[in-house]
C-alpha atoms as a PDB file:
ATOM      1  CA  MET A   1     -23.840  -6.919  -1.315  1.00  0.00           C
ATOM      2  CA  SER A   2     -23.092 -10.631  -0.984  1.00  0.00           C
ATOM      3  CA  ASP A   3     -19.829 -12.147  -2.175  1.00  0.00           C
ATOM      4  CA  ARG A   4     -21.714 -13.968  -4.926  1.00  0.00           C
ATOM      5  CA  SER A   5     -23.370 -10.761  -6.138  1.00  0.00           C
ATOM      6  CA  ALA A   6     -20.060  -8.906  -6.055  1.00  0.00           C
ATOM      7  CA  ALA A   7     -18.450 -11.670  -8.102  1.00  0.00           C
ATOM      8  CA  ARG A   8     -21.242 -11.545 -10.694  1.00  0.00           C
ATOM      9  CA  LEU A   9     -20.930  -7.753 -10.903  1.00  0.00           C
ATOM     10  CA  GLY A  10     -17.172  -8.054 -11.387  1.00  0.00           C
ATOM     11  CA  ASP A  11     -17.634 -10.630 -14.145  1.00  0.00           C
ATOM     12  CA  ALA A  12     -20.196  -8.400 -15.873  1.00  0.00           C
ATOM     13  CA  TRP A  13     -17.877  -5.378 -15.725  1.00  0.00           C
ATOM     14  CA  ARG A  14     -14.956  -7.320 -17.171  1.00  0.00           C
ATOM     15  CA  ALA A  15     -17.199  -8.591 -19.978  1.00  0.00           C
ATOM     16  CA  PHE A  16     -18.187  -4.972 -20.698  1.00  0.00           C
ATOM     17  CA  GLU A  17     -14.521  -3.943 -20.814  1.00  0.00           C
ATOM     18  CA  ARG A  18     -13.672  -6.739 -23.238  1.00  0.00           C
ATOM     19  CA  ARG A  19     -16.698  -6.131 -25.473  1.00  0.00           C
ATOM     20  CA  TRP A  20     -16.886  -2.349 -25.588  1.00  0.00           C
ATOM     21  CA  LEU A  21     -13.509  -1.029 -24.441  1.00  0.00           C
ATOM     22  CA  GLY A  22     -11.347  -3.546 -26.260  1.00  0.00           C
ATOM     23  CA  LEU A  23      -9.546  -4.651 -23.108  1.00  0.00           C
ATOM     24  CA  SER A  24      -8.386  -8.258 -23.020  1.00  0.00           C
ATOM     25  CA  SER A  25      -6.812  -8.312 -19.548  1.00  0.00           C
ATOM     26  CA  GLY A  26      -8.508  -8.789 -16.211  1.00  0.00           C
ATOM     27  CA  PRO A  27      -7.444  -7.359 -12.851  1.00  0.00           C
ATOM     28  CA  PHE A  28      -3.678  -7.317 -12.519  1.00  0.00           C
ATOM     29  CA  ALA A  29      -3.735  -9.463  -9.378  1.00  0.00           C
ATOM     30  CA  GLU A  30      -5.400 -12.232 -11.381  1.00  0.00           C
ATOM     31  CA  GLU A  31      -2.970 -11.825 -14.293  1.00  0.00           C
ATOM     32  CA  ALA A  32      -0.016 -11.938 -11.892  1.00  0.00           C
ATOM     33  CA  GLU A  33      -1.306 -15.019 -10.102  1.00  0.00           C
ATOM     34  CA  ARG A  34      -1.777 -16.898 -13.357  1.00  0.00           C
ATOM     35  CA  ALA A  35       1.743 -15.947 -14.436  1.00  0.00           C
ATOM     36  CA  GLY A  36       3.280 -16.836 -11.068  1.00  0.00           C
ATOM     37  CA  TRP A  37       4.588 -13.281 -10.685  1.00  0.00           C
ATOM     38  CA  SER A  38       5.085 -11.318  -7.475  1.00  0.00           C
ATOM     39  CA  PRO A  39       6.759  -7.987  -6.632  1.00  0.00           C
ATOM     40  CA  ASP A  40      10.431  -7.865  -5.725  1.00  0.00           C
ATOM     41  CA  GLY A  41      11.344  -9.461  -2.463  1.00  0.00           C
ATOM     42  CA  PRO A  42      14.194  -8.420  -0.145  1.00  0.00           C
ATOM     43  CA  GLY A  43      17.545  -8.344  -1.944  1.00  0.00           C
ATOM     44  CA  ALA A  44      16.068  -8.582  -5.455  1.00  0.00           C
ATOM     45  CA  ALA A  45      17.184  -5.074  -6.439  1.00  0.00           C
ATOM     46  CA  CYS A  46      19.856  -2.563  -5.488  1.00  0.00           C
ATOM     47  CA  TRP A  47      18.528   0.252  -3.302  1.00  0.00           C
ATOM     48  CA  ARG A  48      20.923   2.694  -5.004  1.00  0.00           C
ATOM     49  CA  CYS A  49      20.582   2.057  -8.761  1.00  0.00           C
ATOM     50  CA  GLY A  50      17.537  -0.198  -9.019  1.00  0.00           C
ATOM     51  CA  GLY A  51      19.379  -2.937 -10.892  1.00  0.00           C
ATOM     52  CA  ASP A  52      18.875  -6.663 -10.374  1.00  0.00           C
ATOM     53  CA  THR A  53      20.874  -8.106  -7.479  1.00  0.00           C
ATOM     54  CA  GLY A  54      21.352 -11.411  -5.758  1.00  0.00           C
ATOM     55  CA  PRO A  55      21.229 -12.032  -1.996  1.00  0.00           C
ATOM     56  CA  GLY A  56      23.837  -9.941  -0.184  1.00  0.00           C
ATOM     57  CA  GLU A  57      25.169  -8.339  -3.388  1.00  0.00           C
ATOM     58  CA  ALA A  58      24.142  -4.772  -2.461  1.00  0.00           C
ATOM     59  CA  ASP A  59      25.577  -3.063   0.603  1.00  0.00           C
ATOM     60  CA  GLY A  60      25.674   0.471   1.962  1.00  0.00           C
ATOM     61  CA  GLU A  61      27.591   1.625  -1.125  1.00  0.00           C
ATOM     62  CA  GLY A  62      25.269  -0.005  -3.648  1.00  0.00           C
ATOM     63  CA  CYS A  63      25.931  -3.016  -5.876  1.00  0.00           C
ATOM     64  CA  GLY A  64      28.658  -4.069  -8.285  1.00  0.00           C
ATOM     65  CA  GLY A  65      26.908  -2.237 -11.107  1.00  0.00           C
ATOM     66  CA  CYS A  66      26.783   1.169  -9.406  1.00  0.00           C
ATOM     67  CA  ARG A  67      29.259   1.154  -6.535  1.00  0.00           C
ATOM     68  CA  LEU A  68      31.932   2.982  -8.540  1.00  0.00           C
ATOM     69  CA  ARG A  69      29.494   5.405 -10.168  1.00  0.00           C
ATOM     70  CA  ARG A  70      27.822   8.596  -9.113  1.00  0.00           C
ATOM     71  CA  VAL A  71      24.056   8.527  -9.482  1.00  0.00           C
ATOM     72  CA  PRO A  72      21.858  11.652  -9.496  1.00  0.00           C
ATOM     73  CA  TRP A  73      19.413  10.402  -6.852  1.00  0.00           C
ATOM     74  CA  ASP A  74      19.648   9.255  -3.235  1.00  0.00           C
ATOM     75  CA  ARG A  75      17.531   6.102  -3.408  1.00  0.00           C
ATOM     76  CA  PHE A  76      15.859   3.968  -6.060  1.00  0.00           C
ATOM     77  CA  VAL A  77      12.550   2.153  -5.531  1.00  0.00           C
ATOM     78  CA  ARG A  78      10.984  -0.315  -7.957  1.00  0.00           C
ATOM     79  CA  VAL A  79       8.307  -2.991  -8.167  1.00  0.00           C
ATOM     80  CA  GLY A  80      10.089  -5.463 -10.430  1.00  0.00           C
ATOM     81  CA  ARG A  81      11.927  -6.222 -13.623  1.00  0.00           C
ATOM     82  CA  TYR A  82      10.515  -5.049 -16.960  1.00  0.00           C
ATOM     83  CA  ALA A  83       9.504  -8.440 -18.287  1.00  0.00           C
ATOM     84  CA  GLY A  84       6.540 -10.767 -18.607  1.00  0.00           C
ATOM     85  CA  VAL A  85       3.257  -9.794 -17.020  1.00  0.00           C
ATOM     86  CA  LEU A  86       4.656  -6.593 -15.501  1.00  0.00           C
ATOM     87  CA  ARG A  87       5.935  -5.405 -18.875  1.00  0.00           C
ATOM     88  CA  ARG A  88       2.576  -6.130 -20.464  1.00  0.00           C
ATOM     89  CA  ALA A  89       0.787  -4.190 -17.724  1.00  0.00           C
ATOM     90  CA  VAL A  90       3.032  -1.150 -18.198  1.00  0.00           C
ATOM     91  CA  LEU A  91       2.385  -1.186 -21.935  1.00  0.00           C
ATOM     92  CA  GLU A  92      -1.372  -1.429 -21.342  1.00  0.00           C
ATOM     93  CA  LEU A  93      -1.196   1.690 -19.204  1.00  0.00           C
ATOM     94  CA  LYS A  94       1.073   3.624 -21.518  1.00  0.00           C
ATOM     95  CA  PHE A  95      -0.406   2.888 -24.927  1.00  0.00           C
ATOM     96  CA  SER A  96      -3.957   1.660 -24.243  1.00  0.00           C
ATOM     97  CA  ARG A  97      -4.953   4.442 -21.791  1.00  0.00           C
ATOM     98  CA  PHE A  98      -5.832   1.713 -19.294  1.00  0.00           C
ATOM     99  CA  ARG A  99      -6.205   3.904 -16.179  1.00  0.00           C
ATOM    100  CA  ARG A 100      -7.349   1.078 -13.947  1.00  0.00           C
ATOM    101  CA  ARG A 101      -4.105  -0.714 -14.746  1.00  0.00           C
ATOM    102  CA  GLY A 102      -2.222   2.444 -13.799  1.00  0.00           C
ATOM    103  CA  ALA A 103      -4.010   2.565 -10.453  1.00  0.00           C
ATOM    104  CA  GLU A 104      -3.154  -1.090  -9.821  1.00  0.00           C
ATOM    105  CA  LEU A 105       0.517  -0.581 -10.674  1.00  0.00           C
ATOM    106  CA  GLY A 106       0.581   2.631  -8.667  1.00  0.00           C
ATOM    107  CA  ARG A 107      -0.641   0.796  -5.581  1.00  0.00           C
ATOM    108  CA  LEU A 108       2.143  -1.758  -5.968  1.00  0.00           C
ATOM    109  CA  LEU A 109       4.646   1.082  -6.243  1.00  0.00           C
ATOM    110  CA  GLY A 110       3.098   2.708  -3.172  1.00  0.00           C
ATOM    111  CA  ASP A 111       3.684  -0.488  -1.194  1.00  0.00           C
ATOM    112  CA  ALA A 112       7.344  -0.447  -2.254  1.00  0.00           C
ATOM    113  CA  LEU A 113       7.653   3.229  -1.314  1.00  0.00           C
ATOM    114  CA  GLY A 114       6.162   2.546   2.104  1.00  0.00           C
ATOM    115  CA  ASP A 115       8.705  -0.205   2.699  1.00  0.00           C
ATOM    116  CA  ALA A 116      11.572   2.029   1.555  1.00  0.00           C
ATOM    117  CA  ALA A 117      10.422   4.849   3.822  1.00  0.00           C
ATOM    118  CA  ALA A 118      10.301   2.501   6.818  1.00  0.00           C
ATOM    119  CA  GLU A 119      13.814   1.251   6.031  1.00  0.00           C
ATOM    120  CA  SER A 120      15.014   4.864   5.881  1.00  0.00           C
ATOM    121  CA  ALA A 121      13.255   5.809   9.149  1.00  0.00           C
ATOM    122  CA  ILE A 122      11.079   8.322   7.278  1.00  0.00           C
ATOM    123  CA  GLU A 123       7.350   8.677   7.830  1.00  0.00           C
ATOM    124  CA  ALA A 124       5.335   8.173   4.657  1.00  0.00           C
ATOM    125  CA  GLY A 125       3.768  11.582   5.219  1.00  0.00           C
ATOM    126  CA  GLU A 126       7.235  13.124   4.896  1.00  0.00           C
ATOM    127  CA  LEU A 127       7.478  11.937   1.273  1.00  0.00           C
ATOM    128  CA  LEU A 128       6.340  14.160  -1.592  1.00  0.00           C
ATOM    129  CA  VAL A 129       5.547  12.186  -4.751  1.00  0.00           C
ATOM    130  CA  VAL A 130       5.777  13.899  -8.150  1.00  0.00           C
ATOM    131  CA  GLY A 131       5.464  12.427 -11.620  1.00  0.00           C
ATOM    132  CA  VAL A 132       8.015  12.733 -14.405  1.00  0.00           C
ATOM    133  CA  PRO A 133       6.562  15.514 -16.569  1.00  0.00           C
ATOM    134  CA  MET A 134       5.190  14.900 -20.045  1.00  0.00           C
ATOM    135  CA  PRO A 135       5.089  17.565 -22.793  1.00  0.00           C
ATOM    136  CA  ARG A 136       1.568  18.843 -23.388  1.00  0.00           C
ATOM    137  CA  TRP A 137       1.446  17.740 -27.025  1.00  0.00           C
ATOM    138  CA  ARG A 138       2.393  14.180 -26.090  1.00  0.00           C
ATOM    139  CA  ARG A 139      -0.209  14.059 -23.346  1.00  0.00           C
ATOM    140  CA  PHE A 140      -2.813  15.201 -25.845  1.00  0.00           C
ATOM    141  CA  ALA A 141      -1.680  12.667 -28.458  1.00  0.00           C
ATOM    142  CA  ARG A 142      -1.655   9.704 -26.059  1.00  0.00           C
ATOM    143  CA  GLY A 143      -4.708  10.692 -24.070  1.00  0.00           C
ATOM    144  CA  ILE A 144      -3.038   9.870 -20.752  1.00  0.00           C
ATOM    145  CA  ASP A 145      -0.204  11.073 -18.543  1.00  0.00           C
ATOM    146  CA  HIS A 146       0.871   7.665 -17.264  1.00  0.00           C
ATOM    147  CA  ALA A 147       3.460   8.968 -14.784  1.00  0.00           C
ATOM    148  CA  ALA A 148       0.837  11.242 -13.216  1.00  0.00           C
ATOM    149  CA  VAL A 149      -1.559   8.295 -12.830  1.00  0.00           C
ATOM    150  CA  LEU A 150       1.161   6.247 -11.125  1.00  0.00           C
ATOM    151  CA  ALA A 151       2.245   9.124  -8.889  1.00  0.00           C
ATOM    152  CA  ARG A 152      -1.264   9.794  -7.584  1.00  0.00           C
ATOM    153  CA  ALA A 153      -2.025   6.141  -6.927  1.00  0.00           C
ATOM    154  CA  SER A 154       1.308   5.400  -5.251  1.00  0.00           C
ATOM    155  CA  ALA A 155       1.058   8.433  -2.964  1.00  0.00           C
ATOM    156  CA  ALA A 156      -2.500   7.567  -1.946  1.00  0.00           C
ATOM    157  CA  ARG A 157      -1.486   3.974  -1.236  1.00  0.00           C
ATOM    158  CA  CYS A 158       1.365   4.743   1.155  1.00  0.00           C
ATOM    159  CA  GLY A 159       0.039   7.989   2.652  1.00  0.00           C
ATOM    160  CA  ALA A 160       2.614  10.270   1.032  1.00  0.00           C
ATOM    161  CA  GLY A 161       1.983  13.796  -0.179  1.00  0.00           C
ATOM    162  CA  HIS A 162       1.411  14.350  -3.880  1.00  0.00           C
ATOM    163  CA  ARG A 163       1.718  17.437  -6.064  1.00  0.00           C
ATOM    164  CA  ALA A 164       1.070  17.756  -9.782  1.00  0.00           C
ATOM    165  CA  GLY A 165       3.034  20.193 -11.910  1.00  0.00           C
ATOM    166  CA  VAL A 166       6.115  20.447  -9.690  1.00  0.00           C
ATOM    167  CA  LEU A 167       8.288  19.620 -12.701  1.00  0.00           C
ATOM    168  CA  ARG A 168       7.700  20.861 -16.240  1.00  0.00           C
ATOM    169  CA  ARG A 169       9.107  19.552 -19.526  1.00  0.00           C
ATOM    170  CA  ARG A 170       9.890  21.257 -22.792  1.00  0.00           C
ATOM    171  CA  ALA A 171       8.963  19.471 -26.002  1.00  0.00           C
ATOM    172  CA  GLY A 172      11.661  17.469 -27.750  1.00  0.00           C
ATOM    173  CA  ARG A 173      12.557  14.243 -29.457  1.00  0.00           C
ATOM    174  CA  GLU A 174      11.111  10.940 -28.257  1.00  0.00           C
ATOM    175  CA  LEU A 175      13.666   8.810 -26.380  1.00  0.00           C
ATOM    176  CA  VAL A 176      12.389   5.400 -27.486  1.00  0.00           C
ATOM    177  CA  GLY A 177      15.008   3.543 -29.521  1.00  0.00           C
ATOM    178  CA  LEU A 178      17.854   5.959 -28.811  1.00  0.00           C
ATOM    179  CA  SER A 179      21.253   4.862 -27.515  1.00  0.00           C
ATOM    180  CA  PRO A 180      22.184   5.811 -23.928  1.00  0.00           C
ATOM    181  CA  SER A 181      24.364   8.689 -25.099  1.00  0.00           C
ATOM    182  CA  ALA A 182      21.649   9.946 -27.456  1.00  0.00           C
ATOM    183  CA  ARG A 183      19.096   9.740 -24.634  1.00  0.00           C
ATOM    184  CA  ARG A 184      21.294  11.887 -22.399  1.00  0.00           C
ATOM    185  CA  ALA A 185      21.805  14.462 -25.134  1.00  0.00           C
ATOM    186  CA  SER A 186      18.128  14.558 -26.097  1.00  0.00           C
ATOM    187  CA  ILE A 187      16.745  14.979 -22.571  1.00  0.00           C
ATOM    188  CA  LYS A 188      19.427  17.366 -21.279  1.00  0.00           C
ATOM    189  CA  ASN A 189      18.022  20.613 -19.834  1.00  0.00           C
ATOM    190  CA  ARG A 190      14.478  19.847 -20.996  1.00  0.00           C
ATOM    191  CA  MET A 191      12.998  19.755 -17.477  1.00  0.00           C
ATOM    192  CA  TYR A 192      12.675  22.586 -14.998  1.00  0.00           C
ATOM    193  CA  LEU A 193      11.114  23.323 -11.619  1.00  0.00           C
ATOM    194  CA  ALA A 194       7.822  25.204 -11.707  1.00  0.00           C
ATOM    195  CA  ASP A 195       8.064  28.774 -10.401  1.00  0.00           C
ATOM    196  CA  ASP A 196       5.634  28.140  -7.539  1.00  0.00           C
ATOM    197  CA  ALA A 197       6.995  24.733  -6.493  1.00  0.00           C
ATOM    198  CA  SER A 198       9.626  25.693  -3.929  1.00  0.00           C
ATOM    199  CA  GLY A 199       6.993  26.645  -1.364  1.00  0.00           C
ATOM    200  CA  LEU A 200       5.582  23.104  -1.332  1.00  0.00           C
ATOM    201  CA  LEU A 201       8.589  21.494   0.260  1.00  0.00           C
ATOM    202  CA  GLY A 202       8.176  22.407   3.919  1.00  0.00           C
ATOM    203  CA  GLY A 203       8.375  19.316   6.130  1.00  0.00           C
ATOM    204  CA  VAL A 204       9.375  17.093   3.211  1.00  0.00           C
ATOM    205  CA  ARG A 205      12.277  14.733   3.868  1.00  0.00           C
ATOM    206  CA  ALA A 206      12.311  13.049   0.443  1.00  0.00           C
ATOM    207  CA  ILE A 207      10.946  14.035  -2.959  1.00  0.00           C
ATOM    208  CA  VAL A 208      10.055  10.941  -4.980  1.00  0.00           C
ATOM    209  CA  VAL A 209      10.096  11.249  -8.781  1.00  0.00           C
ATOM    210  CA  VAL A 210       7.883   8.562 -10.342  1.00  0.00           C
ATOM    211  CA  ASP A 211       8.040   7.050 -13.832  1.00  0.00           C
ATOM    212  CA  ASP A 212       6.831   3.827 -15.417  1.00  0.00           C
ATOM    213  CA  VAL A 213      10.126   2.289 -16.598  1.00  0.00           C
ATOM    214  CA  ARG A 214      13.805   2.997 -16.052  1.00  0.00           C
ATOM    215  CA  THR A 215      15.838   2.057 -19.104  1.00  0.00           C
ATOM    216  CA  THR A 216      19.117   3.964 -18.832  1.00  0.00           C
ATOM    217  CA  GLY A 217      18.041   6.425 -16.141  1.00  0.00           C
ATOM    218  CA  ALA A 218      18.431   9.481 -18.396  1.00  0.00           C
ATOM    219  CA  THR A 219      14.892  10.763 -17.851  1.00  0.00           C
ATOM    220  CA  LEU A 220      14.919  10.253 -14.095  1.00  0.00           C
ATOM    221  CA  GLY A 221      18.402  11.756 -13.882  1.00  0.00           C
ATOM    222  CA  GLU A 222      17.233  14.861 -15.739  1.00  0.00           C
ATOM    223  CA  ALA A 223      14.315  15.212 -13.313  1.00  0.00           C
ATOM    224  CA  CYS A 224      16.735  15.086 -10.383  1.00  0.00           C
ATOM    225  CA  ARG A 225      18.953  17.716 -12.013  1.00  0.00           C
ATOM    226  CA  ALA A 226      15.946  19.983 -12.557  1.00  0.00           C
ATOM    227  CA  LEU A 227      15.013  19.745  -8.877  1.00  0.00           C
ATOM    228  CA  ARG A 228      18.500  20.567  -7.616  1.00  0.00           C
ATOM    229  CA  ASP A 229      19.219  23.263 -10.198  1.00  0.00           C
ATOM    230  CA  GLY A 230      15.810  24.744  -9.514  1.00  0.00           C
ATOM    231  CA  GLY A 231      16.784  25.465  -5.933  1.00  0.00           C
ATOM    232  CA  VAL A 232      15.895  22.325  -3.966  1.00  0.00           C
ATOM    233  CA  ALA A 233      18.665  22.199  -1.386  1.00  0.00           C
ATOM    234  CA  SER A 234      20.659  19.004  -0.887  1.00  0.00           C
ATOM    235  CA  PRO A 235      20.445  17.056   2.396  1.00  0.00           C
ATOM    236  CA  ALA A 236      23.862  18.478   3.335  1.00  0.00           C
ATOM    237  CA  ASP A 237      22.281  21.937   3.239  1.00  0.00           C
ATOM    238  CA  GLY A 238      19.138  20.927   5.093  1.00  0.00           C
ATOM    239  CA  GLY A 239      17.067  19.991   2.042  1.00  0.00           C
ATOM    240  CA  PRO A 240      15.242  16.764   1.227  1.00  0.00           C
ATOM    241  CA  GLU A 241      16.668  13.678  -0.364  1.00  0.00           C
ATOM    242  CA  VAL A 242      15.639  13.013  -3.960  1.00  0.00           C
ATOM    243  CA  TRP A 243      14.392   9.490  -4.599  1.00  0.00           C
ATOM    244  CA  VAL A 244      13.255   7.990  -7.863  1.00  0.00           C
ATOM    245  CA  ALA A 245      10.678   5.242  -8.241  1.00  0.00           C
ATOM    246  CA  ALA A 246       9.777   3.175 -11.290  1.00  0.00           C
ATOM    247  CA  VAL A 247       7.297   0.368 -11.677  1.00  0.00           C
ATOM    248  CA  ALA A 248       9.816  -1.619 -13.713  1.00  0.00           C
ATOM    249  CA  VAL A 249      13.505  -1.593 -14.576  1.00  0.00           C
ATOM    250  CA  THR A 250      15.070  -3.050 -17.694  1.00  0.00           C
ATOM    251  CA  SER A 251      18.111  -5.230 -17.214  1.00  0.00           C
ATOM    252  CA  SER A 252      21.295  -5.267 -19.271  1.00  0.00           C
ATOM    253  CA  ARG A 253      20.214  -8.651 -20.668  1.00  0.00           C
ATOM    254  CA  ASP A 254      16.996  -7.094 -21.983  1.00  0.00           C
ATOM    255  CA  ARG A 255      19.034  -4.392 -23.754  1.00  0.00           C
ATOM    256  CA  GLY A 256      21.663  -6.769 -25.093  1.00  0.00           C
ATOM    257  CA  GLY A 257      24.441  -5.163 -23.100  1.00  0.00           C
ATOM    258  CA  ASN A 258      26.865  -6.308 -20.443  1.00  0.00           C
ATOM    259  CA  GLY A 259      26.914  -3.357 -18.058  1.00  0.00           C
ATOM    260  CA  PRO A 260      24.259  -2.042 -15.686  1.00  0.00           C
ATOM    261  CA  GLY A 261      22.906   0.335 -18.330  1.00  0.00           C
ATOM    262  CA  LEU A 262      22.828   3.132 -15.756  1.00  0.00           C
ATOM    263  CA  VAL A 263      23.430   6.755 -16.655  1.00  0.00           C
ATOM    264  CA  GLY A 264      26.157   7.937 -14.331  1.00  0.00           C
ATOM    265  CA  VAL A 265      29.800   8.907 -14.134  1.00  0.00           C
ATOM    266  CA  PRO A 266      32.713   7.226 -12.358  1.00  0.00           C
ATOM    267  CA  LYS A 267      33.383   8.340  -8.819  1.00  0.00           C
ATOM    268  CA  ALA A 268      36.529  10.320  -8.212  1.00  0.00           C
ATOM    269  CA  GLY A 269      39.413   7.895  -8.038  1.00  0.00           C
ATOM    270  CA  GLY A 270      37.197   5.095  -9.283  1.00  0.00           C
END
C-alpha cells in the first residue's frame, strides 16, 4: 500500500470513528503534537515517588517530597503529569471505552518502563507487568478494564512478561472524591494475591503494578501490600522488587494542597 493510500485509509477510519463511534479525538501522537506535549524527560519526575521534580532535585534517596517517608514500592515509573492532553486521553480510555487510546498510552508507558529497566540494570524480560485489579461489577458497568488494557500494551511494548489475574479486588466504595485518609481506609485490605499466582514469579526481578493515574497512591500502595502479604518475598529475602507504573500523576497543585500528596509514613527518626 502506498503512503497516499494509507493516509486516505487512515482519514476514512477516523471519519468512521467520529460519525459512528462518537469519538472526537484522532491518534494520540497527533493530539500531543498539536498541544506541544511530550513524555517526561530526564529529571522531570522522582524515581521513588513519581512526583514532579526539577533538575537534580531527586537523588538516591528520592526527592524532597518523599525522602523522609516510607513508600510501599521500590520504584515509580510514569509518563507525565495528569494535565492537558494526557489527562484528556486518560479520561477517554477510562470513561469512553476508547481501547485504541489505551493501547497508545500503554505503549508510552512501556517506553518508560524500558528506560527504567535499563537504568536499573534489569532486562525487560525480567519484568512481570500486572494491572491494578478492578471489581467485576465495575468492569461490567464500565465495559472496560482500563488498567488491564494499559498493562498488556506496556508489557508488549517493552518486551516484559504479562499476567492477568495476579491480583484480585473485593468490591467496595469508589475512591473518586474521597480525602487521602478516606481513600486509605476504603481501599485497605480489599486486594489479595490469587491462589495460583506465586508460581508465576520464577526468574522475575521486578513486578510492575500498572494503573492509569496516581492521585494519593492509596490504590497502588494497597496492591503492593497484597503482593507482599500474599507471600511475594522482598528483595532482601531473594524476591523481586515491586514497582508501580502510572500513565499520569496528579500534582499537589492539581489537588489544592501543599504537600506531595503521597500515601506514606515518616521514616524512623524522620
